[in-house]
Amino acid sequence: MTAAAPHAGPDLVKTPGPPAASPPPAGRRTTLRRFLPRFLPLTPALALLLVFLAGPIAYCVLIAFTDLQLTGQAQESFVGLDNFRRAFRDEAFLNAVWLTLVFTVVSALVGQNTLGLALAALMQRASKPVRTLTGGVVVTAWVLPEVVAGFLLYAFFRREGTLNAVLDWLHLPSQNWLFTLPILAVSFANVWRGTAFSMLVYSAALNEIPKEITEAAEVDGASGWRRMWHVTLPMIRRSIGTTLMLNTLQTLSVFGLIWVMTRGGPGGKSQTLPLFMYEQAFQNSLIGYGTAVALLLLLVGSLFSLLYMRLLRTEV
């Protein structure tokens, strides 16, 4: 006969208590320990960026939605999107947008890019004295201050300037270039001043192309233009995209060169967005409206950047 199992009393039954807090995963603690020592040295730089970069940008975004003025106003008020609506109804603003696009395409996308690539390609085959002389002349134009370059090109294009003196000597008709074709004159000035950057970038990119590839294409009978189109350009595609983006952003912000040469005239025929923004903000004292125009200019630059970044992601 077997003995019955002892009955457990109510005092022997264990009731479940609250679950103990689980310690953080070891991987998370390790990541945090690695991140903090690396982040702490960057804290001063990050603080400076927040104070001197992010802070002013945020303030500009704020006043773009107000009617802030430099004079004749006791207190600004919030106007919403009125400044932006006003811009798109302003014929002078639309004219500035069109001239900005013309100035950017002619001087940056076509002028600086094409001339810089051509100079870089020609200097690959030139002798060392020719490369030194050409590089020195082109780079000198680049390192000149913008105001100095503007005065030089003003003296070149003005009615009694160097260009008309040469045309008169050749018995060719001359004209007042800064009055008849001001946007083309300032575009040429920007090409003259900024081509050195494209030339230096493309020279470095061309030096990275293996000579065996170009020599093989030459042995196969490819002409110079075919080698350039089918071999050279595809291999420096990323350099082309980067150069186009940087040239475009730099050209969109050109102010001093145009201001010295034409001041946006005559009659607004060379008034790009930076000059229009300056006129509205500091000459007409419309700080809110001028800041709204600056944000629209920033939007144009962002659209160009997104376009180039998308092109750069496409590999050949």
C-alpha atoms as a PDB file:
ATOM      1  CA  MET A   1       0.000   0.000   0.000  1.00  0.00           C
ATOM      2  CA  THR A   2       1.529   3.316  -1.086  1.00  0.00           C
ATOM      3  CA  ALA A   3       1.565   6.415   1.038  1.00  0.00           C
ATOM      4  CA  ALA A   4      -0.305   9.476  -0.177  1.00  0.00           C
ATOM      5  CA  ALA A   5       1.735  12.543  -1.168  1.00  0.00           C
ATOM      6  CA  PRO A   6       1.657  15.260   1.422  1.00  0.00           C
ATOM      7  CA  HIS A   7      -0.738  18.051   0.612  1.00  0.00           C
ATOM      8  CA  ALA A   8       0.909  21.453   0.121  1.00  0.00           C
ATOM      9  CA  GLY A   9      -0.683  24.071   2.274  1.00  0.00           C
ATOM     10  CA  PRO A  10      -1.630  27.495   1.142  1.00  0.00           C
ATOM     11  CA  ASP A  11       1.467  28.951   2.857  1.00  0.00           C
ATOM     12  CA  LEU A  12       3.707  26.818   0.622  1.00  0.00           C
ATOM     13  CA  VAL A  13       2.299  28.109  -2.712  1.00  0.00           C
ATOM     14  CA  LYS A  14       4.541  30.834  -4.301  1.00  0.00           C
ATOM     15  CA  THR A  15       2.729  33.746  -5.916  1.00  0.00           C
ATOM     16  CA  PRO A  16       4.483  35.402  -8.876  1.00  0.00           C
ATOM     17  CA  GLY A  17       5.941  38.795  -8.046  1.00  0.00           C
ATOM     18  CA  PRO A  18       6.606  41.762 -10.333  1.00  0.00           C
ATOM     19  CA  PRO A  19       9.131  40.973 -13.079  1.00  0.00           C
ATOM     20  CA  ALA A  20      12.639  42.158 -12.420  1.00  0.00           C
ATOM     21  CA  ALA A  21      13.924  44.922 -14.634  1.00  0.00           C
ATOM     22  CA  SER A  22      16.088  43.412 -17.327  1.00  0.00           C
ATOM     23  CA  PRO A  23      19.515  45.016 -17.735  1.00  0.00           C
ATOM     24  CA  PRO A  24      20.159  46.815 -21.037  1.00  0.00           C
ATOM     25  CA  PRO A  25      21.616  44.620 -23.724  1.00  0.00           C
ATOM     26  CA  ALA A  26      25.365  44.359 -23.704  1.00  0.00           C
ATOM     27  CA  GLY A  27      25.553  45.464 -27.325  1.00  0.00           C
ATOM     28  CA  ARG A  28      23.696  48.705 -26.599  1.00  0.00           C
ATOM     29  CA  ARG A  29      25.970  49.541 -23.653  1.00  0.00           C
ATOM     30  CA  THR A  30      29.038  48.872 -25.782  1.00  0.00           C
ATOM     31  CA  THR A  31      27.761  51.092 -28.608  1.00  0.00           C
ATOM     32  CA  LEU A  32      27.024  53.922 -26.161  1.00  0.00           C
ATOM     33  CA  ARG A  33      30.475  53.650 -24.601  1.00  0.00           C
ATOM     34  CA  ARG A  34      32.083  53.834 -28.028  1.00  0.00           C
ATOM     35  CA  PHE A  35      29.886  56.695 -29.245  1.00  0.00           C
ATOM     36  CA  LEU A  36      30.326  59.102 -26.325  1.00  0.00           C
ATOM     37  CA  PRO A  37      34.157  59.394 -26.467  1.00  0.00           C
ATOM     38  CA  ARG A  38      33.938  60.048 -30.205  1.00  0.00           C
ATOM     39  CA  PHE A  39      31.107  62.568 -29.892  1.00  0.00           C
ATOM     40  CA  LEU A  40      32.460  64.654 -27.008  1.00  0.00           C
ATOM     41  CA  PRO A  41      35.393  66.209 -28.973  1.00  0.00           C
ATOM     42  CA  LEU A  42      32.895  67.345 -31.635  1.00  0.00           C
ATOM     43  CA  THR A  43      30.664  69.114 -29.124  1.00  0.00           C
ATOM     44  CA  PRO A  44      32.384  72.558 -29.354  1.00  0.00           C
ATOM     45  CA  ALA A  45      32.276  72.522 -33.168  1.00  0.00           C
ATOM     46  CA  LEU A  46      28.647  71.427 -33.125  1.00  0.00           C
ATOM     47  CA  ALA A  47      27.776  74.207 -30.689  1.00  0.00           C
ATOM     48  CA  LEU A  48      29.478  76.797 -32.925  1.00  0.00           C
ATOM     49  CA  LEU A  49      27.585  75.517 -35.959  1.00  0.00           C
ATOM     50  CA  LEU A  50      24.294  75.745 -34.106  1.00  0.00           C
ATOM     51  CA  VAL A  51      24.993  79.292 -32.892  1.00  0.00           C
ATOM     52  CA  PHE A  52      26.571  80.841 -35.990  1.00  0.00           C
ATOM     53  CA  LEU A  53      25.002  78.791 -38.822  1.00  0.00           C
ATOM     54  CA  ALA A  54      21.774  77.112 -37.837  1.00  0.00           C
ATOM     55  CA  GLY A  55      20.706  80.063 -35.687  1.00  0.00           C
ATOM     56  CA  PRO A  56      20.966  82.747 -38.407  1.00  0.00           C
ATOM     57  CA  ILE A  57      19.353  80.436 -40.964  1.00  0.00           C
ATOM     58  CA  ALA A  58      16.429  79.797 -38.643  1.00  0.00           C
ATOM     59  CA  TYR A  59      16.093  83.535 -37.984  1.00  0.00           C
ATOM     60  CA  CYS A  60      16.108  84.272 -41.740  1.00  0.00           C
ATOM     61  CA  VAL A  61      13.398  81.689 -42.301  1.00  0.00           C
ATOM     62  CA  LEU A  62      11.371  83.342 -39.550  1.00  0.00           C
ATOM     63  CA  ILE A  63      11.612  86.920 -40.846  1.00  0.00           C
ATOM     64  CA  ALA A  64      10.827  85.777 -44.410  1.00  0.00           C
ATOM     65  CA  PHE A  65       7.257  85.352 -43.171  1.00  0.00           C
ATOM     66  CA  THR A  66       7.087  88.854 -41.677  1.00  0.00           C
ATOM     67  CA  ASP A  67       6.922  92.424 -43.018  1.00  0.00           C
ATOM     68  CA  LEU A  68      10.133  93.484 -41.283  1.00  0.00           C
ATOM     69  CA  GLN A  69      11.578  96.754 -42.595  1.00  0.00           C
ATOM     70  CA  LEU A  70      14.737  98.691 -41.867  1.00  0.00           C
ATOM     71  CA  THR A  71      13.036 102.070 -41.449  1.00  0.00           C
ATOM     72  CA  GLY A  72       9.589 103.510 -40.818  1.00  0.00           C
ATOM     73  CA  GLN A  73       8.255 100.602 -38.786  1.00  0.00           C
ATOM     74  CA  ALA A  74       7.643 100.304 -35.052  1.00  0.00           C
ATOM     75  CA  GLN A  75       7.107  96.535 -34.952  1.00  0.00           C
ATOM     76  CA  GLU A  76       6.991  93.782 -37.553  1.00  0.00           C
ATOM     77  CA  SER A  77       4.024  91.462 -37.970  1.00  0.00           C
ATOM     78  CA  PHE A  78       3.533  87.942 -39.314  1.00  0.00           C
ATOM     79  CA  VAL A  79       2.259  87.976 -42.917  1.00  0.00           C
ATOM     80  CA  GLY A  80       2.459  84.272 -43.807  1.00  0.00           C
ATOM     81  CA  LEU A  81       3.120  83.589 -47.473  1.00  0.00           C
ATOM     82  CA  ASP A  82       2.418  87.147 -48.639  1.00  0.00           C
ATOM     83  CA  ASN A  83       6.085  87.842 -49.410  1.00  0.00           C
ATOM     84  CA  PHE A  84       6.291  84.763 -51.636  1.00  0.00           C
ATOM     85  CA  ARG A  85       3.020  85.611 -53.398  1.00  0.00           C
ATOM     86  CA  ARG A  86       4.298  89.114 -53.938  1.00  0.00           C
ATOM     87  CA  ALA A  87       7.494  87.774 -55.489  1.00  0.00           C
ATOM     88  CA  PHE A  88       5.720  85.648 -58.068  1.00  0.00           C
ATOM     89  CA  ARG A  89       3.507  88.601 -59.010  1.00  0.00           C
ATOM     90  CA  ASP A  90       6.512  90.927 -59.331  1.00  0.00           C
ATOM     91  CA  GLU A  91       7.733  91.285 -62.928  1.00  0.00           C
ATOM     92  CA  ALA A  92      11.142  92.426 -61.691  1.00  0.00           C
ATOM     93  CA  PHE A  93      11.501  89.200 -59.683  1.00  0.00           C
ATOM     94  CA  LEU A  94      10.511  87.030 -62.650  1.00  0.00           C
ATOM     95  CA  ASN A  95      12.989  88.936 -64.817  1.00  0.00           C
ATOM     96  CA  ALA A  96      15.695  88.322 -62.201  1.00  0.00           C
ATOM     97  CA  VAL A  97      14.882  84.594 -62.171  1.00  0.00           C
ATOM     98  CA  TRP A  98      15.205  84.424 -65.965  1.00  0.00           C
ATOM     99  CA  LEU A  99      18.490  86.368 -65.996  1.00  0.00           C
ATOM    100  CA  THR A 100      19.857  84.174 -63.187  1.00  0.00           C
ATOM    101  CA  LEU A 101      19.148  81.054 -65.242  1.00  0.00           C
ATOM    102  CA  VAL A 102      20.748  82.620 -68.349  1.00  0.00           C
ATOM    103  CA  PHE A 103      23.786  83.749 -66.354  1.00  0.00           C
ATOM    104  CA  THR A 104      24.177  80.310 -64.760  1.00  0.00           C
ATOM    105  CA  VAL A 105      23.766  78.289 -67.958  1.00  0.00           C
ATOM    106  CA  VAL A 106      25.993  80.514 -70.104  1.00  0.00           C
ATOM    107  CA  SER A 107      28.800  81.130 -67.630  1.00  0.00           C
ATOM    108  CA  ALA A 108      28.825  77.990 -65.443  1.00  0.00           C
ATOM    109  CA  LEU A 109      27.287  75.050 -67.293  1.00  0.00           C
ATOM    110  CA  VAL A 110      28.643  75.966 -70.729  1.00  0.00           C
ATOM    111  CA  GLY A 111      31.453  78.476 -70.321  1.00  0.00           C
ATOM    112  CA  GLN A 112      33.474  77.432 -67.283  1.00  0.00           C
ATOM    113  CA  ASN A 113      32.832  73.723 -67.730  1.00  0.00           C
ATOM    114  CA  THR A 114      33.594  73.516 -71.450  1.00  0.00           C
ATOM    115  CA  LEU A 115      36.564  75.875 -71.426  1.00  0.00           C
ATOM    116  CA  GLY A 116      38.023  74.241 -68.316  1.00  0.00           C
ATOM    117  CA  LEU A 117      37.788  70.775 -69.876  1.00  0.00           C
ATOM    118  CA  ALA A 118      39.279  72.013 -73.157  1.00  0.00           C
ATOM    119  CA  LEU A 119      42.223  73.671 -71.383  1.00  0.00           C
ATOM    120  CA  ALA A 120      42.837  70.583 -69.258  1.00  0.00           C
ATOM    121  CA  ALA A 121      42.795  68.316 -72.326  1.00  0.00           C
ATOM    122  CA  LEU A 122      45.121  70.605 -74.292  1.00  0.00           C
ATOM    123  CA  MET A 123      47.549  70.930 -71.405  1.00  0.00           C
ATOM    124  CA  GLN A 124      47.889  67.134 -71.308  1.00  0.00           C
ATOM    125  CA  ARG A 125      49.704  67.296 -74.658  1.00  0.00           C
ATOM    126  CA  ALA A 126      51.453  70.676 -74.233  1.00  0.00           C
ATOM    127  CA  SER A 127      55.050  71.142 -73.212  1.00  0.00           C
ATOM    128  CA  LYS A 128      55.953  72.010 -69.641  1.00  0.00           C
ATOM    129  CA  PRO A 129      56.645  75.750 -70.310  1.00  0.00           C
ATOM    130  CA  VAL A 130      53.265  76.090 -72.057  1.00  0.00           C
ATOM    131  CA  ARG A 131      51.483  74.288 -69.204  1.00  0.00           C
ATOM    132  CA  THR A 132      53.184  76.512 -66.633  1.00  0.00           C
ATOM    133  CA  LEU A 133      52.368  79.739 -68.492  1.00  0.00           C
ATOM    134  CA  THR A 134      48.752  78.789 -69.234  1.00  0.00           C
ATOM    135  CA  GLY A 135      48.096  77.521 -65.726  1.00  0.00           C
ATOM    136  CA  GLY A 136      49.621  80.646 -64.195  1.00  0.00           C
ATOM    137  CA  VAL A 137      47.500  83.019 -66.291  1.00  0.00           C
ATOM    138  CA  VAL A 138      44.261  81.131 -65.669  1.00  0.00           C
ATOM    139  CA  VAL A 139      44.839  80.656 -61.945  1.00  0.00           C
ATOM    140  CA  THR A 140      45.769  84.335 -61.529  1.00  0.00           C
ATOM    141  CA  ALA A 141      42.332  85.318 -62.793  1.00  0.00           C
ATOM    142  CA  TRP A 142      40.790  82.915 -60.279  1.00  0.00           C
ATOM    143  CA  VAL A 143      42.659  84.143 -57.202  1.00  0.00           C
ATOM    144  CA  LEU A 144      41.926  87.819 -57.869  1.00  0.00           C
ATOM    145  CA  PRO A 145      39.335  89.296 -55.493  1.00  0.00           C
ATOM    146  CA  GLU A 146      35.901  89.505 -57.035  1.00  0.00           C
ATOM    147  CA  VAL A 147      35.819  93.297 -56.857  1.00  0.00           C
ATOM    148  CA  VAL A 148      39.208  93.623 -58.560  1.00  0.00           C
ATOM    149  CA  ALA A 149      38.139  91.223 -61.309  1.00  0.00           C
ATOM    150  CA  GLY A 150      34.951  93.246 -61.762  1.00  0.00           C
ATOM    151  CA  PHE A 151      36.905  96.491 -62.255  1.00  0.00           C
ATOM    152  CA  LEU A 152      39.240  94.808 -64.751  1.00  0.00           C
ATOM    153  CA  LEU A 153      36.349  93.471 -66.815  1.00  0.00           C
ATOM    154  CA  TYR A 154      34.533  96.794 -66.553  1.00  0.00           C
ATOM    155  CA  ALA A 155      37.592  98.482 -68.064  1.00  0.00           C
ATOM    156  CA  PHE A 156      37.630  95.822 -70.783  1.00  0.00           C
ATOM    157  CA  PHE A 157      33.965  96.134 -71.810  1.00  0.00           C
ATOM    158  CA  ARG A 158      33.207  99.834 -71.248  1.00  0.00           C
ATOM    159  CA  ARG A 159      32.634 102.192 -74.155  1.00  0.00           C
ATOM    160  CA  GLU A 160      36.222 103.502 -74.102  1.00  0.00           C
ATOM    161  CA  GLY A 161      37.602 100.134 -72.976  1.00  0.00           C
ATOM    162  CA  THR A 162      40.124  97.670 -74.307  1.00  0.00           C
ATOM    163  CA  LEU A 163      37.706  95.590 -76.364  1.00  0.00           C
ATOM    164  CA  ASN A 164      36.435  98.525 -78.378  1.00  0.00           C
ATOM    165  CA  ALA A 165      40.004  99.804 -78.847  1.00  0.00           C
ATOM    166  CA  VAL A 166      40.963  96.458 -80.396  1.00  0.00           C
ATOM    167  CA  LEU A 167      37.842  96.446 -82.582  1.00  0.00           C
ATOM    168  CA  ASP A 168      38.573  99.994 -83.802  1.00  0.00           C
ATOM    169  CA  TRP A 169      42.140  98.975 -84.619  1.00  0.00           C
ATOM    170  CA  LEU A 170      40.769  96.060 -86.662  1.00  0.00           C
ATOM    171  CA  HIS A 171      38.251  98.431 -88.342  1.00  0.00           C
ATOM    172  CA  LEU A 172      35.336  96.461 -86.884  1.00  0.00           C
ATOM    173  CA  PRO A 173      32.169  98.048 -85.431  1.00  0.00           C
ATOM    174  CA  SER A 174      32.282  98.716 -81.707  1.00  0.00           C
ATOM    175  CA  GLN A 175      29.487  99.274 -79.194  1.00  0.00           C
ATOM    176  CA  ASN A 176      28.774  99.875 -75.546  1.00  0.00           C
ATOM    177  CA  TRP A 177      28.765  96.245 -74.434  1.00  0.00           C
ATOM    178  CA  LEU A 178      27.672  96.996 -70.876  1.00  0.00           C
ATOM    179  CA  PHE A 179      24.585  98.749 -72.241  1.00  0.00           C
ATOM    180  CA  THR A 180      23.593  96.608 -75.222  1.00  0.00           C
ATOM    181  CA  LEU A 181      24.563  93.105 -73.978  1.00  0.00           C
ATOM    182  CA  PRO A 182      25.102  93.426 -70.209  1.00  0.00           C
ATOM    183  CA  ILE A 183      24.117  89.877 -69.208  1.00  0.00           C
ATOM    184  CA  LEU A 184      26.503  88.394 -71.778  1.00  0.00           C
ATOM    185  CA  ALA A 185      29.285  90.736 -70.654  1.00  0.00           C
ATOM    186  CA  VAL A 186      28.976  89.691 -67.000  1.00  0.00           C
ATOM    187  CA  SER A 187      28.666  86.044 -68.088  1.00  0.00           C
ATOM    188  CA  PHE A 188      31.961  86.319 -69.971  1.00  0.00           C
ATOM    189  CA  ALA A 189      33.517  87.959 -66.907  1.00  0.00           C
ATOM    190  CA  ASN A 190      32.406  85.062 -64.716  1.00  0.00           C
ATOM    191  CA  VAL A 191      33.823  82.573 -67.245  1.00  0.00           C
ATOM    192  CA  TRP A 192      37.145  84.424 -67.288  1.00  0.00           C
ATOM    193  CA  ARG A 193      37.343  84.424 -63.514  1.00  0.00           C
ATOM    194  CA  GLY A 194      36.065  80.925 -62.691  1.00  0.00           C
ATOM    195  CA  THR A 195      37.467  78.665 -65.415  1.00  0.00           C
ATOM    196  CA  ALA A 196      40.588  77.865 -63.374  1.00  0.00           C
ATOM    197  CA  PHE A 197      38.635  75.724 -60.905  1.00  0.00           C
ATOM    198  CA  SER A 198      37.214  73.516 -63.679  1.00  0.00           C
ATOM    199  CA  MET A 199      40.613  73.281 -65.349  1.00  0.00           C
ATOM    200  CA  LEU A 200      42.310  72.104 -62.146  1.00  0.00           C
ATOM    201  CA  VAL A 201      39.625  69.507 -61.387  1.00  0.00           C
ATOM    202  CA  TYR A 202      39.639  68.128 -64.925  1.00  0.00           C
ATOM    203  CA  SER A 203      43.440  68.072 -65.058  1.00  0.00           C
ATOM    204  CA  ALA A 204      43.498  65.902 -61.955  1.00  0.00           C
ATOM    205  CA  ALA A 205      40.767  63.647 -63.358  1.00  0.00           C
ATOM    206  CA  LEU A 206      42.526  63.228 -66.717  1.00  0.00           C
ATOM    207  CA  ASN A 207      45.782  62.309 -64.988  1.00  0.00           C
ATOM    208  CA  GLU A 208      43.981  59.433 -63.258  1.00  0.00           C
ATOM    209  CA  ILE A 209      42.955  57.781 -66.557  1.00  0.00           C
ATOM    210  CA  PRO A 210      45.287  54.840 -67.317  1.00  0.00           C
ATOM    211  CA  LYS A 211      47.348  55.529 -70.413  1.00  0.00           C
ATOM    212  CA  GLU A 212      46.882  51.937 -71.546  1.00  0.00           C
ATOM    213  CA  ILE A 213      43.185  52.571 -72.188  1.00  0.00           C
ATOM    214  CA  THR A 214      43.704  55.649 -74.363  1.00  0.00           C
ATOM    215  CA  GLU A 215      46.597  54.011 -76.198  1.00  0.00           C
ATOM    216  CA  ALA A 216      44.467  50.942 -76.902  1.00  0.00           C
ATOM    217  CA  ALA A 217      41.692  53.153 -78.307  1.00  0.00           C
ATOM    218  CA  GLU A 218      44.236  54.968 -80.462  1.00  0.00           C
ATOM    219  CA  VAL A 219      45.619  51.665 -81.777  1.00  0.00           C
ATOM    220  CA  ASP A 220      42.073  50.574 -82.648  1.00  0.00           C
ATOM    221  CA  GLY A 221      41.811  53.616 -84.917  1.00  0.00           C
ATOM    222  CA  ALA A 222      39.634  55.891 -82.756  1.00  0.00           C
ATOM    223  CA  SER A 223      40.052  59.551 -83.615  1.00  0.00           C
ATOM    224  CA  GLY A 224      40.648  62.234 -81.026  1.00  0.00           C
ATOM    225  CA  TRP A 225      36.965  63.206 -80.795  1.00  0.00           C
ATOM    226  CA  ARG A 226      35.859  59.563 -80.547  1.00  0.00           C
ATOM    227  CA  ARG A 227      38.391  58.895 -77.775  1.00  0.00           C
ATOM    228  CA  MET A 228      37.188  61.970 -75.937  1.00  0.00           C
ATOM    229  CA  TRP A 229      33.486  61.041 -76.292  1.00  0.00           C
ATOM    230  CA  HIS A 230      33.630  57.264 -75.736  1.00  0.00           C
ATOM    231  CA  VAL A 231      36.644  56.883 -73.437  1.00  0.00           C
ATOM    232  CA  THR A 232      37.606  60.070 -71.619  1.00  0.00           C
ATOM    233  CA  LEU A 233      34.220  61.574 -70.771  1.00  0.00           C
ATOM    234  CA  PRO A 234      32.697  58.346 -69.380  1.00  0.00           C
ATOM    235  CA  MET A 235      35.730  57.783 -67.172  1.00  0.00           C
ATOM    236  CA  ILE A 236      35.610  61.286 -65.651  1.00  0.00           C
ATOM    237  CA  ARG A 237      31.827  61.419 -65.418  1.00  0.00           C
ATOM    238  CA  ARG A 238      31.767  61.827 -61.648  1.00  0.00           C
ATOM    239  CA  SER A 239      34.281  64.678 -61.819  1.00  0.00           C
ATOM    240  CA  ILE A 240      32.097  66.377 -64.433  1.00  0.00           C
ATOM    241  CA  GLY A 241      29.026  66.092 -62.226  1.00  0.00           C
ATOM    242  CA  THR A 242      30.837  67.404 -59.155  1.00  0.00           C
ATOM    243  CA  THR A 243      32.339  70.321 -61.087  1.00  0.00           C
ATOM    244  CA  LEU A 244      28.985  71.252 -62.590  1.00  0.00           C
ATOM    245  CA  MET A 245      27.341  71.269 -59.176  1.00  0.00           C
ATOM    246  CA  LEU A 246      30.035  73.411 -57.541  1.00  0.00           C
ATOM    247  CA  ASN A 247      30.197  75.837 -60.476  1.00  0.00           C
ATOM    248  CA  THR A 248      26.416  76.189 -60.462  1.00  0.00           C
ATOM    249  CA  LEU A 249      26.187  76.910 -56.739  1.00  0.00           C
ATOM    250  CA  GLN A 250      29.039  79.408 -56.936  1.00  0.00           C
ATOM    251  CA  THR A 251      27.525  81.186 -59.946  1.00  0.00           C
ATOM    252  CA  LEU A 252      24.077  81.445 -58.358  1.00  0.00           C
ATOM    253  CA  SER A 253      25.598  83.488 -55.527  1.00  0.00           C
ATOM    254  CA  VAL A 254      27.755  85.847 -57.635  1.00  0.00           C
ATOM    255  CA  PHE A 255      27.137  89.421 -56.490  1.00  0.00           C
ATOM    256  CA  GLY A 256      30.270  91.574 -56.408  1.00  0.00           C
ATOM    257  CA  LEU A 257      31.319  90.907 -60.000  1.00  0.00           C
ATOM    258  CA  ILE A 258      27.969  92.021 -61.461  1.00  0.00           C
ATOM    259  CA  TRP A 259      27.563  94.869 -58.981  1.00  0.00           C
ATOM    260  CA  VAL A 260      30.919  96.404 -59.929  1.00  0.00           C
ATOM    261  CA  MET A 261      30.364  96.015 -63.681  1.00  0.00           C
ATOM    262  CA  THR A 262      26.710  97.005 -64.163  1.00  0.00           C
ATOM    263  CA  ARG A 263      24.919  97.220 -60.767  1.00  0.00           C
ATOM    264  CA  GLY A 264      22.194  95.152 -62.397  1.00  0.00           C
ATOM    265  CA  GLY A 265      21.497  97.688 -65.120  1.00  0.00           C
ATOM    266  CA  PRO A 266      20.712  99.164 -67.402  1.00  0.00           C
ATOM    267  CA  GLY A 267      17.021  98.864 -66.602  1.00  0.00           C
ATOM    268  CA  GLY A 268      17.466  95.545 -64.804  1.00  0.00           C
ATOM    269  CA  LYS A 269      18.954  93.821 -67.870  1.00  0.00           C
ATOM    270  CA  SER A 270      21.684  92.196 -65.762  1.00  0.00           C
ATOM    271  CA  GLN A 271      19.926  92.054 -62.392  1.00  0.00           C
ATOM    272  CA  THR A 272      20.208  88.492 -61.118  1.00  0.00           C
ATOM    273  CA  LEU A 273      18.526  87.217 -57.945  1.00  0.00           C
ATOM    274  CA  PRO A 274      21.355  88.187 -55.543  1.00  0.00           C
ATOM    275  CA  LEU A 275      21.242  91.788 -56.814  1.00  0.00           C
ATOM    276  CA  PHE A 276      17.432  91.863 -56.706  1.00  0.00           C
ATOM    277  CA  MET A 277      17.526  90.543 -53.155  1.00  0.00           C
ATOM    278  CA  TYR A 278      20.056  93.215 -52.129  1.00  0.00           C
ATOM    279  CA  GLU A 279      17.985  95.957 -53.750  1.00  0.00           C
ATOM    280  CA  GLN A 280      14.787  94.938 -51.978  1.00  0.00           C
ATOM    281  CA  ALA A 281      16.377  94.326 -48.574  1.00  0.00           C
ATOM    282  CA  PHE A 282      18.875  97.185 -48.233  1.00  0.00           C
ATOM    283  CA  GLN A 283      17.924  99.825 -50.793  1.00  0.00           C
ATOM    284  CA  ASN A 284      14.139  99.553 -50.431  1.00  0.00           C
ATOM    285  CA  SER A 285      14.475  98.550 -46.730  1.00  0.00           C
ATOM    286  CA  LEU A 286      12.155  95.542 -47.210  1.00  0.00           C
ATOM    287  CA  ILE A 287      14.040  93.012 -45.115  1.00  0.00           C
ATOM    288  CA  GLY A 288      11.180  90.500 -44.971  1.00  0.00           C
ATOM    289  CA  TYR A 289      10.604  90.535 -48.723  1.00  0.00           C
ATOM    290  CA  GLY A 290      14.335  90.393 -49.495  1.00  0.00           C
ATOM    291  CA  THR A 291      14.790  87.429 -47.168  1.00  0.00           C
ATOM    292  CA  ALA A 292      11.911  85.613 -48.873  1.00  0.00           C
ATOM    293  CA  VAL A 293      13.727  86.120 -52.205  1.00  0.00           C
ATOM    294  CA  ALA A 294      16.897  84.714 -50.602  1.00  0.00           C
ATOM    295  CA  LEU A 295      14.994  81.577 -49.570  1.00  0.00           C
ATOM    296  CA  LEU A 296      13.711  81.170 -53.129  1.00  0.00           C
ATOM    297  CA  LEU A 297      17.308  81.465 -54.367  1.00  0.00           C
ATOM    298  CA  LEU A 298      18.285  78.783 -51.853  1.00  0.00           C
ATOM    299  CA  LEU A 299      15.490  76.613 -53.246  1.00  0.00           C
ATOM    300  CA  VAL A 300      16.830  77.028 -56.793  1.00  0.00           C
ATOM    301  CA  GLY A 301      20.298  75.967 -55.645  1.00  0.00           C
ATOM    302  CA  SER A 302      18.839  72.961 -53.828  1.00  0.00           C
ATOM    303  CA  LEU A 303      17.000  71.841 -56.962  1.00  0.00           C
ATOM    304  CA  PHE A 304      20.212  72.014 -58.985  1.00  0.00           C
ATOM    305  CA  SER A 305      22.048  70.060 -56.275  1.00  0.00           C
ATOM    306  CA  LEU A 306      19.412  67.324 -56.180  1.00  0.00           C
ATOM    307  CA  LEU A 307      19.550  67.038 -59.974  1.00  0.00           C
ATOM    308  CA  TYR A 308      23.335  66.652 -59.996  1.00  0.00           C
ATOM    309  CA  MET A 309      23.309  64.199 -57.102  1.00  0.00           C
ATOM    310  CA  ARG A 310      20.782  62.059 -58.965  1.00  0.00           C
ATOM    311  CA  LEU A 311      22.965  62.113 -62.060  1.00  0.00           C
ATOM    312  CA  LEU A 312      26.019  61.174 -59.995  1.00  0.00           C
ATOM    313  CA  ARG A 313      24.273  58.066 -58.684  1.00  0.00           C
ATOM    314  CA  THR A 314      23.908  56.757 -62.247  1.00  0.00           C
ATOM    315  CA  GLU A 315      26.994  54.811 -63.176  1.00  0.00           C
ATOM    316  CA  VAL A 316      28.110  54.209 -66.720  1.00  0.00           C
END
